[in-house]
């Protein structure tokens, strides 16, 4: 699971689960598992860490999005495995290390949200500094109903956006929020029509 650090020149070619493009001082990082609704696997988490560690010093802003109709459907349940207590803690720290690179990295991150922003996907979005949501976005934290621990920051980052009580409600009830409901709560900073999220992010 250990990330690697090297020069940024070949970065787009080494990350098959991400699409990385540069336009001047702006880096576009796109989750690239559309057939899985960009569900997060351990290899993708590793690549996210590697990507953000190796971004060129010239990058002044990062736009994070998902390929296709969804931002991220959360943990890839097909890769879910049993962990010991120690293993579970180590796995959680592994996710935190990657998400910390977004939150505390060298450049601000603007997340473009559409379709599913669920579980680990919402945790990932909450690590960004600004969130632009399209009308198609839906939010949920289903881990509680599945007996899973929110190991990527859902118990820390998301409550800072909407409060602990609302997070508890989402986790315990499995409630799904629309783009408008999520925006009213504070899960997004901007709400735009479908297809305009990336454009709005570039304007910012």
N, C-alpha and C. Protein backbone atom coordinates (compact mmCIF):
# COMPACT_ATOMS: atom_id res chain seq x y z
N UNK A 1 0.81 -1.20 0.00
CA UNK A 1 0.00 0.00 0.00
C UNK A 1 0.85 1.27 0.00
N UNK A 2 2.14 1.11 0.13
CA UNK A 2 2.99 2.28 0.29
C UNK A 2 3.02 3.10 -0.99
N UNK A 3 2.81 4.42 -0.90
CA UNK A 3 2.87 5.28 -2.06
C UNK A 3 4.31 5.48 -2.48
N UNK A 4 4.50 5.93 -3.69
CA UNK A 4 5.84 6.20 -4.19
C UNK A 4 5.98 7.66 -4.51
N UNK A 5 7.20 8.14 -4.46
CA UNK A 5 7.47 9.52 -4.80
C UNK A 5 8.54 9.54 -5.88
N UNK A 6 8.26 10.23 -6.96
CA UNK A 6 9.22 10.40 -8.04
C UNK A 6 8.86 11.67 -8.77
N UNK A 7 9.53 11.92 -9.90
CA UNK A 7 9.25 13.14 -10.65
C UNK A 7 7.85 13.13 -11.22
N UNK A 8 7.25 14.33 -11.44
CA UNK A 8 5.87 14.41 -11.91
C UNK A 8 5.69 14.22 -13.40
N UNK A 9 6.79 14.17 -14.16
CA UNK A 9 6.68 14.18 -15.62
C UNK A 9 5.85 13.02 -16.15
N UNK A 10 6.04 11.81 -15.60
CA UNK A 10 5.32 10.65 -16.11
C UNK A 10 4.10 10.31 -15.28
N UNK A 11 3.67 11.23 -14.43
CA UNK A 11 2.57 10.97 -13.50
C UNK A 11 1.31 10.46 -14.20
N UNK A 12 0.83 11.11 -15.27
CA UNK A 12 -0.40 10.64 -15.90
C UNK A 12 -0.31 9.22 -16.43
N UNK A 13 0.91 8.76 -16.77
CA UNK A 13 1.07 7.44 -17.38
C UNK A 13 1.17 6.33 -16.34
N UNK A 14 1.46 6.67 -15.09
CA UNK A 14 1.65 5.67 -14.05
C UNK A 14 0.37 5.40 -13.27
N UNK A 15 -0.66 6.19 -13.49
CA UNK A 15 -1.87 6.10 -12.67
C UNK A 15 -3.05 5.67 -13.52
N UNK A 16 -3.24 4.37 -13.66
CA UNK A 16 -4.28 3.88 -14.56
C UNK A 16 -5.69 4.03 -13.99
N UNK A 17 -5.82 4.24 -12.69
CA UNK A 17 -7.14 4.41 -12.07
C UNK A 17 -7.52 5.88 -11.92
N UNK A 18 -6.66 6.75 -12.40
CA UNK A 18 -6.92 8.19 -12.39
C UNK A 18 -6.62 8.75 -13.77
N UNK A 19 -7.29 9.82 -14.13
CA UNK A 19 -6.93 10.60 -15.31
C UNK A 19 -6.38 11.94 -14.81
N UNK A 20 -5.12 12.18 -15.09
CA UNK A 20 -4.46 13.39 -14.61
C UNK A 20 -4.06 14.25 -15.81
N UNK A 21 -4.50 15.49 -15.82
CA UNK A 21 -4.18 16.42 -16.90
C UNK A 21 -3.77 17.76 -16.30
N UNK A 22 -2.94 18.48 -17.03
CA UNK A 22 -2.46 19.78 -16.57
C UNK A 22 -2.80 20.84 -17.61
N UNK A 23 -3.30 21.96 -17.11
CA UNK A 23 -3.59 23.12 -17.96
C UNK A 23 -3.03 24.34 -17.24
N UNK A 24 -1.80 24.69 -17.58
CA UNK A 24 -1.14 25.77 -16.86
C UNK A 24 -0.94 25.39 -15.41
N UNK A 25 -1.44 26.22 -14.52
CA UNK A 25 -1.26 25.99 -13.08
C UNK A 25 -2.39 25.16 -12.47
N UNK A 26 -3.29 24.64 -13.33
CA UNK A 26 -4.42 23.85 -12.83
C UNK A 26 -4.21 22.38 -13.17
N UNK A 27 -4.35 21.53 -12.17
CA UNK A 27 -4.30 20.08 -12.38
C UNK A 27 -5.71 19.52 -12.28
N UNK A 28 -6.07 18.68 -13.23
CA UNK A 28 -7.35 17.98 -13.19
C UNK A 28 -7.08 16.52 -12.83
N UNK A 29 -7.66 16.07 -11.73
CA UNK A 29 -7.51 14.69 -11.28
C UNK A 29 -8.90 14.05 -11.30
N UNK A 30 -9.05 13.02 -12.12
CA UNK A 30 -10.37 12.41 -12.30
C UNK A 30 -10.32 10.93 -11.92
N UNK A 31 -11.20 10.52 -11.01
CA UNK A 31 -11.32 9.10 -10.67
C UNK A 31 -11.78 8.36 -11.92
N UNK A 32 -11.13 7.23 -12.23
CA UNK A 32 -11.36 6.60 -13.53
C UNK A 32 -11.76 5.13 -13.40
N UNK A 33 -12.88 4.91 -12.73
CA UNK A 33 -13.49 3.57 -12.70
C UNK A 33 -15.00 3.73 -12.97
N UNK A 34 -15.37 4.27 -14.12
CA UNK A 34 -16.79 4.59 -14.35
C UNK A 34 -17.70 3.37 -14.28
N UNK A 35 -17.21 2.20 -14.68
CA UNK A 35 -18.05 1.00 -14.64
C UNK A 35 -18.40 0.61 -13.21
N UNK A 36 -17.59 1.07 -12.25
CA UNK A 36 -17.83 0.81 -10.83
C UNK A 36 -18.33 2.06 -10.12
N UNK A 37 -18.81 3.03 -10.87
CA UNK A 37 -19.23 4.33 -10.33
C UNK A 37 -18.09 4.96 -9.52
N UNK A 38 -16.86 4.70 -9.99
CA UNK A 38 -15.64 5.25 -9.37
C UNK A 38 -15.48 4.83 -7.91
N UNK A 39 -15.92 3.60 -7.60
CA UNK A 39 -15.76 3.08 -6.24
C UNK A 39 -14.29 3.01 -5.87
N UNK A 40 -14.02 3.24 -4.59
CA UNK A 40 -12.65 3.32 -4.10
C UNK A 40 -12.12 1.94 -3.74
N UNK A 41 -11.01 1.58 -4.37
CA UNK A 41 -10.28 0.37 -4.02
C UNK A 41 -8.96 0.77 -3.39
N UNK A 42 -8.28 -0.17 -2.75
CA UNK A 42 -6.98 0.15 -2.18
C UNK A 42 -5.99 0.64 -3.23
N UNK A 43 -5.93 0.02 -4.43
CA UNK A 43 -5.03 0.56 -5.46
C UNK A 43 -5.37 2.01 -5.85
N UNK A 44 -6.66 2.35 -5.90
CA UNK A 44 -7.02 3.73 -6.24
C UNK A 44 -6.59 4.69 -5.13
N UNK A 45 -6.77 4.28 -3.86
CA UNK A 45 -6.34 5.12 -2.75
C UNK A 45 -4.84 5.34 -2.82
N UNK A 46 -4.10 4.27 -3.12
CA UNK A 46 -2.64 4.39 -3.26
C UNK A 46 -2.29 5.37 -4.37
N UNK A 47 -3.00 5.28 -5.50
CA UNK A 47 -2.72 6.17 -6.62
C UNK A 47 -3.08 7.62 -6.30
N UNK A 48 -4.15 7.83 -5.55
CA UNK A 48 -4.48 9.19 -5.13
C UNK A 48 -3.35 9.78 -4.29
N UNK A 49 -2.85 8.99 -3.35
CA UNK A 49 -1.74 9.45 -2.51
C UNK A 49 -0.53 9.76 -3.38
N UNK A 50 -0.18 8.83 -4.26
CA UNK A 50 0.97 9.03 -5.14
C UNK A 50 0.80 10.28 -6.00
N UNK A 51 -0.40 10.48 -6.53
CA UNK A 51 -0.67 11.63 -7.39
C UNK A 51 -0.45 12.94 -6.65
N UNK A 52 -1.06 13.07 -5.48
CA UNK A 52 -0.99 14.35 -4.77
C UNK A 52 0.40 14.61 -4.19
N UNK A 53 1.14 13.56 -3.86
CA UNK A 53 2.51 13.74 -3.38
C UNK A 53 3.41 14.23 -4.50
N UNK A 54 3.14 13.80 -5.74
CA UNK A 54 4.03 14.07 -6.85
C UNK A 54 3.59 15.19 -7.78
N UNK A 55 2.55 15.93 -7.45
CA UNK A 55 2.13 17.02 -8.32
C UNK A 55 3.24 18.05 -8.46
N UNK A 56 3.40 18.64 -9.65
CA UNK A 56 4.45 19.63 -9.85
C UNK A 56 4.28 20.84 -8.94
N UNK A 57 5.38 21.46 -8.60
CA UNK A 57 5.34 22.65 -7.75
C UNK A 57 4.60 23.80 -8.42
N UNK A 58 4.49 23.75 -9.75
CA UNK A 58 3.82 24.83 -10.49
C UNK A 58 2.30 24.80 -10.34
N UNK A 59 1.75 23.70 -9.83
CA UNK A 59 0.29 23.57 -9.68
C UNK A 59 -0.20 24.49 -8.57
N UNK A 60 -1.19 25.31 -8.88
CA UNK A 60 -1.75 26.25 -7.91
C UNK A 60 -3.19 25.91 -7.52
N UNK A 61 -3.83 25.02 -8.26
CA UNK A 61 -5.19 24.59 -7.93
C UNK A 61 -5.43 23.22 -8.55
N UNK A 62 -6.28 22.43 -7.88
CA UNK A 62 -6.56 21.06 -8.33
C UNK A 62 -8.07 20.89 -8.41
N UNK A 63 -8.55 20.35 -9.54
CA UNK A 63 -9.96 20.03 -9.70
C UNK A 63 -10.10 18.52 -9.64
N UNK A 64 -10.83 18.04 -8.66
CA UNK A 64 -11.04 16.60 -8.45
C UNK A 64 -12.45 16.24 -8.89
N UNK A 65 -12.57 15.25 -9.76
CA UNK A 65 -13.89 14.86 -10.27
C UNK A 65 -13.91 13.36 -10.54
N UNK A 66 -15.02 12.88 -11.05
CA UNK A 66 -15.15 11.47 -11.38
C UNK A 66 -15.51 11.29 -12.85
N UNK A 67 -14.95 10.28 -13.47
CA UNK A 67 -15.27 9.98 -14.87
C UNK A 67 -16.69 9.42 -14.96
N UNK A 68 -17.45 9.89 -15.92
CA UNK A 68 -18.80 9.39 -16.10
C UNK A 68 -19.83 10.16 -15.30
N UNK A 69 -20.90 9.47 -14.92
CA UNK A 69 -22.06 10.12 -14.31
C UNK A 69 -22.00 10.22 -12.79
N UNK A 70 -20.92 9.70 -12.18
CA UNK A 70 -20.85 9.68 -10.72
C UNK A 70 -19.49 10.17 -10.23
N UNK A 71 -19.52 10.87 -9.10
CA UNK A 71 -18.27 11.26 -8.47
C UNK A 71 -17.60 10.04 -7.86
N UNK A 72 -18.26 9.41 -6.89
CA UNK A 72 -17.68 8.24 -6.24
C UNK A 72 -18.72 7.55 -5.38
N UNK A 73 -18.89 6.24 -5.61
CA UNK A 73 -19.89 5.46 -4.87
C UNK A 73 -19.34 4.86 -3.59
N UNK A 74 -18.16 5.30 -3.16
CA UNK A 74 -17.61 4.84 -1.89
C UNK A 74 -16.75 3.61 -2.03
N UNK A 75 -16.60 2.88 -0.93
CA UNK A 75 -15.77 1.69 -0.90
C UNK A 75 -16.29 0.64 -1.88
N UNK A 76 -15.36 0.04 -2.63
CA UNK A 76 -15.71 -1.06 -3.52
C UNK A 76 -15.97 -2.30 -2.65
N UNK A 77 -17.24 -2.63 -2.46
CA UNK A 77 -17.61 -3.71 -1.54
C UNK A 77 -17.13 -5.07 -2.03
N UNK A 78 -16.85 -5.20 -3.33
CA UNK A 78 -16.35 -6.47 -3.85
C UNK A 78 -14.94 -6.76 -3.36
N UNK A 79 -14.25 -5.72 -2.87
CA UNK A 79 -12.89 -5.89 -2.37
C UNK A 79 -12.85 -5.85 -0.84
N UNK A 80 -14.03 -5.81 -0.22
CA UNK A 80 -14.09 -5.74 1.23
C UNK A 80 -13.60 -7.05 1.84
N UNK A 81 -12.74 -6.95 2.83
CA UNK A 81 -12.21 -8.14 3.50
C UNK A 81 -12.24 -7.94 5.00
N UNK A 82 -12.19 -9.05 5.72
CA UNK A 82 -12.17 -9.00 7.17
C UNK A 82 -10.82 -8.48 7.65
N UNK A 83 -10.84 -7.59 8.64
CA UNK A 83 -9.61 -7.09 9.24
C UNK A 83 -9.63 -7.37 10.73
N UNK A 84 -8.45 -7.64 11.28
CA UNK A 84 -8.32 -7.64 12.73
C UNK A 84 -8.45 -6.21 13.21
N UNK A 85 -8.52 -6.02 14.54
CA UNK A 85 -8.59 -4.66 15.07
C UNK A 85 -7.39 -3.86 14.61
N UNK A 86 -6.20 -4.44 14.75
CA UNK A 86 -4.97 -3.74 14.33
C UNK A 86 -4.98 -3.50 12.83
N UNK A 87 -5.44 -4.50 12.07
CA UNK A 87 -5.48 -4.35 10.62
C UNK A 87 -6.48 -3.29 10.20
N UNK A 88 -7.61 -3.22 10.90
CA UNK A 88 -8.61 -2.20 10.59
C UNK A 88 -8.09 -0.80 10.85
N UNK A 89 -7.36 -0.64 11.95
CA UNK A 89 -6.78 0.66 12.27
C UNK A 89 -5.75 1.05 11.22
N UNK A 90 -4.91 0.09 10.83
CA UNK A 90 -3.89 0.37 9.81
C UNK A 90 -4.53 0.75 8.48
N UNK A 91 -5.61 0.06 8.12
CA UNK A 91 -6.30 0.36 6.87
C UNK A 91 -6.93 1.74 6.92
N UNK A 92 -7.52 2.10 8.05
CA UNK A 92 -8.10 3.43 8.22
C UNK A 92 -7.03 4.51 8.09
N UNK A 93 -5.87 4.28 8.70
CA UNK A 93 -4.77 5.25 8.61
C UNK A 93 -4.27 5.39 7.18
N UNK A 94 -4.31 4.30 6.44
CA UNK A 94 -3.92 4.31 5.03
C UNK A 94 -4.83 5.25 4.23
N UNK A 95 -6.14 5.17 4.46
CA UNK A 95 -7.08 6.07 3.80
C UNK A 95 -6.85 7.51 4.26
N UNK A 96 -6.68 7.68 5.57
CA UNK A 96 -6.47 9.03 6.10
C UNK A 96 -5.24 9.68 5.48
N UNK A 97 -4.17 8.91 5.31
CA UNK A 97 -2.93 9.46 4.75
C UNK A 97 -3.16 10.01 3.36
N UNK A 98 -3.96 9.30 2.56
CA UNK A 98 -4.26 9.77 1.20
C UNK A 98 -5.14 11.01 1.24
N UNK A 99 -6.19 10.99 2.05
CA UNK A 99 -7.10 12.13 2.12
C UNK A 99 -6.43 13.35 2.72
N UNK A 100 -5.47 13.13 3.63
CA UNK A 100 -4.71 14.25 4.20
C UNK A 100 -3.91 14.98 3.13
N UNK A 101 -3.46 14.25 2.10
CA UNK A 101 -2.71 14.90 1.03
C UNK A 101 -3.59 15.90 0.28
N UNK A 102 -4.89 15.61 0.20
CA UNK A 102 -5.82 16.57 -0.40
C UNK A 102 -6.01 17.77 0.52
N UNK A 103 -6.35 17.48 1.76
CA UNK A 103 -6.73 18.54 2.69
C UNK A 103 -5.56 19.44 3.08
N UNK A 104 -4.38 18.86 3.23
CA UNK A 104 -3.24 19.61 3.74
C UNK A 104 -2.11 19.71 2.72
N UNK A 105 -2.42 19.46 1.44
CA UNK A 105 -1.41 19.48 0.39
C UNK A 105 -1.02 20.88 -0.03
N UNK A 106 -0.29 20.93 -1.13
CA UNK A 106 0.33 22.19 -1.55
C UNK A 106 -0.61 23.15 -2.26
N UNK A 107 -1.77 22.67 -2.70
CA UNK A 107 -2.68 23.53 -3.47
C UNK A 107 -4.12 23.23 -3.07
N UNK A 108 -5.01 24.24 -3.16
CA UNK A 108 -6.42 24.01 -2.85
C UNK A 108 -7.07 23.04 -3.83
N UNK A 109 -8.00 22.25 -3.32
CA UNK A 109 -8.70 21.24 -4.11
C UNK A 109 -10.17 21.62 -4.23
N UNK A 110 -10.66 21.66 -5.47
CA UNK A 110 -12.08 21.90 -5.74
C UNK A 110 -12.67 20.59 -6.24
N UNK A 111 -13.64 20.04 -5.52
CA UNK A 111 -14.27 18.79 -5.93
C UNK A 111 -15.54 19.08 -6.71
N UNK A 112 -15.69 18.41 -7.85
CA UNK A 112 -16.89 18.52 -8.67
C UNK A 112 -17.74 17.28 -8.43
N UNK A 113 -18.93 17.47 -7.88
CA UNK A 113 -19.76 16.36 -7.43
C UNK A 113 -20.95 16.17 -8.35
N UNK A 114 -21.13 14.93 -8.80
CA UNK A 114 -22.32 14.58 -9.58
C UNK A 114 -22.68 13.14 -9.27
N UNK A 115 -23.94 12.80 -9.47
CA UNK A 115 -24.36 11.43 -9.21
C UNK A 115 -24.06 11.01 -7.79
N UNK A 116 -23.59 9.78 -7.63
CA UNK A 116 -23.33 9.22 -6.30
C UNK A 116 -22.14 9.91 -5.62
N UNK A 117 -22.39 10.44 -4.44
CA UNK A 117 -21.35 10.95 -3.54
C UNK A 117 -21.64 10.23 -2.22
N UNK A 118 -21.20 9.00 -2.14
CA UNK A 118 -21.70 8.07 -1.13
C UNK A 118 -20.56 7.47 -0.31
N UNK A 119 -20.75 7.32 0.98
CA UNK A 119 -19.78 6.65 1.83
C UNK A 119 -18.40 7.28 1.72
N UNK A 120 -17.44 6.47 1.31
CA UNK A 120 -16.08 6.96 1.14
C UNK A 120 -15.98 8.08 0.12
N UNK A 121 -16.93 8.12 -0.83
CA UNK A 121 -16.94 9.21 -1.79
C UNK A 121 -17.25 10.54 -1.13
N UNK A 122 -18.17 10.53 -0.16
CA UNK A 122 -18.48 11.74 0.60
C UNK A 122 -17.31 12.11 1.51
N UNK A 123 -16.66 11.09 2.07
CA UNK A 123 -15.49 11.35 2.90
C UNK A 123 -14.38 11.99 2.06
N UNK A 124 -14.19 11.48 0.83
CA UNK A 124 -13.20 12.06 -0.07
C UNK A 124 -13.56 13.50 -0.41
N UNK A 125 -14.82 13.75 -0.74
CA UNK A 125 -15.26 15.10 -1.09
C UNK A 125 -15.07 16.06 0.08
N UNK A 126 -15.25 15.56 1.30
CA UNK A 126 -15.14 16.43 2.47
C UNK A 126 -13.70 16.84 2.74
N UNK A 127 -12.73 16.16 2.11
CA UNK A 127 -11.33 16.54 2.26
C UNK A 127 -10.96 17.70 1.33
N UNK A 128 -11.82 17.98 0.34
CA UNK A 128 -11.58 19.10 -0.57
C UNK A 128 -11.87 20.42 0.14
N UNK A 129 -11.35 21.50 -0.42
CA UNK A 129 -11.52 22.82 0.20
C UNK A 129 -12.80 23.51 -0.28
N UNK A 130 -13.20 23.22 -1.52
CA UNK A 130 -14.43 23.76 -2.09
C UNK A 130 -15.13 22.62 -2.82
N UNK A 131 -16.45 22.58 -2.72
CA UNK A 131 -17.23 21.54 -3.38
C UNK A 131 -18.29 22.18 -4.27
N UNK A 132 -18.23 21.84 -5.55
CA UNK A 132 -19.22 22.30 -6.53
C UNK A 132 -20.09 21.10 -6.88
N UNK A 133 -21.38 21.17 -6.58
CA UNK A 133 -22.28 20.05 -6.83
C UNK A 133 -23.19 20.34 -8.00
N UNK A 134 -23.37 19.34 -8.85
CA UNK A 134 -24.37 19.42 -9.90
C UNK A 134 -25.70 18.92 -9.35
N UNK A 135 -26.79 19.28 -10.02
CA UNK A 135 -28.13 18.92 -9.54
C UNK A 135 -28.34 17.42 -9.40
N UNK A 136 -27.52 16.63 -10.08
CA UNK A 136 -27.69 15.17 -10.05
C UNK A 136 -27.08 14.53 -8.81
N UNK A 137 -26.33 15.28 -8.02
CA UNK A 137 -25.61 14.71 -6.88
C UNK A 137 -26.58 14.17 -5.83
N UNK A 138 -26.22 13.02 -5.26
CA UNK A 138 -26.93 12.48 -4.10
C UNK A 138 -25.89 12.09 -3.05
N UNK A 139 -26.26 12.24 -1.78
CA UNK A 139 -25.33 12.01 -0.68
C UNK A 139 -25.88 10.95 0.26
N UNK A 140 -24.99 10.08 0.75
CA UNK A 140 -25.40 9.08 1.73
C UNK A 140 -24.18 8.56 2.47
N UNK A 141 -24.40 8.09 3.70
CA UNK A 141 -23.37 7.42 4.50
C UNK A 141 -23.95 6.08 4.95
N UNK A 142 -23.93 5.07 4.08
CA UNK A 142 -24.59 3.80 4.38
C UNK A 142 -23.78 2.86 5.27
N UNK A 143 -22.57 3.27 5.66
CA UNK A 143 -21.71 2.36 6.43
C UNK A 143 -22.38 1.85 7.71
N UNK A 144 -23.09 2.74 8.40
CA UNK A 144 -23.71 2.36 9.66
C UNK A 144 -24.68 1.20 9.50
N UNK A 145 -25.47 1.20 8.44
CA UNK A 145 -26.44 0.13 8.23
C UNK A 145 -25.77 -1.16 7.77
N UNK A 146 -24.55 -1.04 7.26
CA UNK A 146 -23.82 -2.23 6.81
C UNK A 146 -22.83 -2.73 7.85
N UNK A 147 -22.79 -2.07 9.00
CA UNK A 147 -21.89 -2.49 10.05
C UNK A 147 -20.44 -2.18 9.76
N UNK A 148 -20.20 -1.14 8.96
CA UNK A 148 -18.84 -0.75 8.59
C UNK A 148 -18.44 0.51 9.34
N UNK A 149 -17.13 0.63 9.59
CA UNK A 149 -16.60 1.83 10.23
C UNK A 149 -16.25 2.85 9.17
N UNK A 150 -16.60 4.11 9.41
CA UNK A 150 -16.28 5.17 8.45
C UNK A 150 -14.81 5.55 8.63
N UNK A 151 -13.94 4.81 7.96
CA UNK A 151 -12.51 4.93 8.22
C UNK A 151 -11.80 6.00 7.43
N UNK A 152 -12.49 6.66 6.49
CA UNK A 152 -11.82 7.65 5.67
C UNK A 152 -12.03 9.08 6.10
N UNK A 153 -12.63 9.30 7.26
CA UNK A 153 -12.82 10.65 7.75
C UNK A 153 -14.26 11.05 7.92
N UNK A 154 -15.19 10.12 7.65
CA UNK A 154 -16.61 10.44 7.75
C UNK A 154 -17.02 10.85 9.15
N UNK A 155 -16.30 10.34 10.16
CA UNK A 155 -16.63 10.69 11.53
C UNK A 155 -15.93 11.96 11.99
N UNK A 156 -15.11 12.54 11.14
CA UNK A 156 -14.36 13.75 11.51
C UNK A 156 -14.60 14.88 10.52
N UNK A 157 -14.32 14.64 9.24
CA UNK A 157 -14.41 15.71 8.25
C UNK A 157 -15.85 16.10 7.94
N UNK A 158 -16.71 15.10 7.74
CA UNK A 158 -18.10 15.41 7.38
C UNK A 158 -18.82 16.15 8.49
N UNK A 159 -18.65 15.77 9.78
CA UNK A 159 -19.30 16.54 10.85
C UNK A 159 -18.87 18.00 10.89
N UNK A 160 -17.64 18.29 10.46
CA UNK A 160 -17.20 19.68 10.44
C UNK A 160 -17.97 20.50 9.42
N UNK A 161 -18.54 19.81 8.43
CA UNK A 161 -19.32 20.50 7.40
C UNK A 161 -20.78 20.66 7.82
N UNK A 162 -21.36 19.62 8.40
CA UNK A 162 -22.81 19.64 8.64
C UNK A 162 -23.20 19.37 10.09
N UNK A 163 -22.23 19.07 10.95
CA UNK A 163 -22.55 18.81 12.35
C UNK A 163 -22.68 17.32 12.65
N UNK A 164 -22.33 16.95 13.87
CA UNK A 164 -22.33 15.54 14.27
C UNK A 164 -23.72 14.93 14.25
N UNK A 165 -24.74 15.70 14.63
CA UNK A 165 -26.09 15.15 14.71
C UNK A 165 -26.61 14.77 13.33
N UNK A 166 -26.35 15.59 12.33
CA UNK A 166 -26.81 15.27 10.98
C UNK A 166 -26.07 14.06 10.42
N UNK A 167 -24.78 13.95 10.74
CA UNK A 167 -24.02 12.77 10.30
C UNK A 167 -24.59 11.52 10.95
N UNK A 168 -24.89 11.59 12.24
CA UNK A 168 -25.48 10.45 12.94
C UNK A 168 -26.81 10.04 12.30
N UNK A 169 -27.61 11.02 11.93
CA UNK A 169 -28.89 10.74 11.27
C UNK A 169 -28.67 10.03 9.95
N UNK A 170 -27.71 10.51 9.15
CA UNK A 170 -27.43 9.89 7.86
C UNK A 170 -26.95 8.45 8.03
N UNK A 171 -26.08 8.22 9.01
CA UNK A 171 -25.52 6.89 9.21
C UNK A 171 -26.54 5.90 9.76
N UNK A 172 -27.33 6.34 10.71
CA UNK A 172 -28.24 5.42 11.39
C UNK A 172 -29.50 5.13 10.59
N UNK A 173 -29.93 6.08 9.78
CA UNK A 173 -31.16 5.89 9.00
C UNK A 173 -30.91 5.47 7.56
N UNK A 174 -29.67 5.66 7.07
CA UNK A 174 -29.40 5.39 5.67
C UNK A 174 -30.02 6.41 4.74
N UNK A 175 -30.39 7.53 5.29
CA UNK A 175 -31.06 8.59 4.53
C UNK A 175 -30.20 9.05 3.35
N UNK A 176 -30.85 9.23 2.20
CA UNK A 176 -30.19 9.74 1.00
C UNK A 176 -30.63 11.18 0.78
N UNK A 177 -29.66 12.06 0.64
CA UNK A 177 -29.95 13.49 0.45
C UNK A 177 -29.83 13.86 -1.01
N UNK A 178 -30.73 14.69 -1.47
CA UNK A 178 -30.64 15.24 -2.82
C UNK A 178 -29.57 16.32 -2.87
N UNK A 179 -29.25 16.76 -4.07
CA UNK A 179 -28.26 17.84 -4.21
C UNK A 179 -28.72 19.09 -3.47
N UNK A 180 -30.01 19.39 -3.55
CA UNK A 180 -30.53 20.59 -2.89
C UNK A 180 -30.47 20.46 -1.37
N UNK A 181 -30.84 19.27 -0.86
CA UNK A 181 -30.79 19.05 0.59
C UNK A 181 -29.35 19.11 1.10
N UNK A 182 -28.44 18.49 0.37
CA UNK A 182 -27.04 18.51 0.76
C UNK A 182 -26.47 19.91 0.74
N UNK A 183 -26.86 20.68 -0.26
CA UNK A 183 -26.37 22.06 -0.36
C UNK A 183 -26.88 22.89 0.81
N UNK A 184 -28.15 22.71 1.15
CA UNK A 184 -28.73 23.46 2.27
C UNK A 184 -28.04 23.12 3.58
N UNK A 185 -27.58 21.88 3.72
CA UNK A 185 -26.90 21.46 4.95
C UNK A 185 -25.45 21.93 5.00
N UNK A 186 -24.84 22.16 3.82
CA UNK A 186 -23.45 22.57 3.79
C UNK A 186 -22.51 21.57 3.17
N UNK A 187 -23.04 20.54 2.50
CA UNK A 187 -22.18 19.56 1.85
C UNK A 187 -21.57 20.09 0.57
N UNK A 188 -22.15 21.11 -0.01
CA UNK A 188 -21.56 21.76 -1.19
C UNK A 188 -21.56 23.27 -0.98
N UNK A 189 -20.62 23.92 -1.65
CA UNK A 189 -20.51 25.38 -1.58
C UNK A 189 -21.21 26.06 -2.74
N UNK A 190 -21.30 25.34 -3.86
CA UNK A 190 -21.96 25.87 -5.05
C UNK A 190 -22.84 24.77 -5.62
N UNK A 191 -23.99 25.14 -6.16
CA UNK A 191 -24.91 24.19 -6.78
C UNK A 191 -25.20 24.68 -8.19
N UNK A 192 -24.93 23.81 -9.18
CA UNK A 192 -25.07 24.21 -10.58
C UNK A 192 -25.88 23.16 -11.34
N UNK A 193 -26.27 23.51 -12.55
CA UNK A 193 -27.02 22.60 -13.40
C UNK A 193 -26.11 21.46 -13.86
N UNK A 194 -26.70 20.31 -14.22
CA UNK A 194 -25.91 19.18 -14.70
C UNK A 194 -25.01 19.56 -15.87
N UNK A 195 -23.77 19.11 -15.80
CA UNK A 195 -22.81 19.37 -16.87
C UNK A 195 -21.99 20.63 -16.72
N UNK A 196 -22.31 21.45 -15.70
CA UNK A 196 -21.61 22.72 -15.53
C UNK A 196 -20.67 22.73 -14.32
N UNK A 197 -20.52 21.61 -13.65
CA UNK A 197 -19.68 21.59 -12.46
C UNK A 197 -18.22 21.87 -12.74
N UNK A 198 -17.67 21.21 -13.75
CA UNK A 198 -16.25 21.40 -14.06
C UNK A 198 -15.98 22.82 -14.51
N UNK A 199 -16.87 23.35 -15.34
CA UNK A 199 -16.74 24.73 -15.81
C UNK A 199 -16.75 25.71 -14.65
N UNK A 200 -17.65 25.49 -13.70
CA UNK A 200 -17.72 26.37 -12.53
C UNK A 200 -16.46 26.26 -11.69
N UNK A 201 -15.94 25.05 -11.56
CA UNK A 201 -14.72 24.85 -10.79
C UNK A 201 -13.55 25.61 -11.42
N UNK A 202 -13.46 25.59 -12.74
CA UNK A 202 -12.39 26.32 -13.41
C UNK A 202 -12.53 27.82 -13.22
N UNK A 203 -13.77 28.30 -13.19
CA UNK A 203 -13.99 29.73 -12.96
C UNK A 203 -13.49 30.15 -11.58
N UNK A 204 -13.63 29.27 -10.61
CA UNK A 204 -13.21 29.59 -9.25
C UNK A 204 -11.70 29.67 -9.16
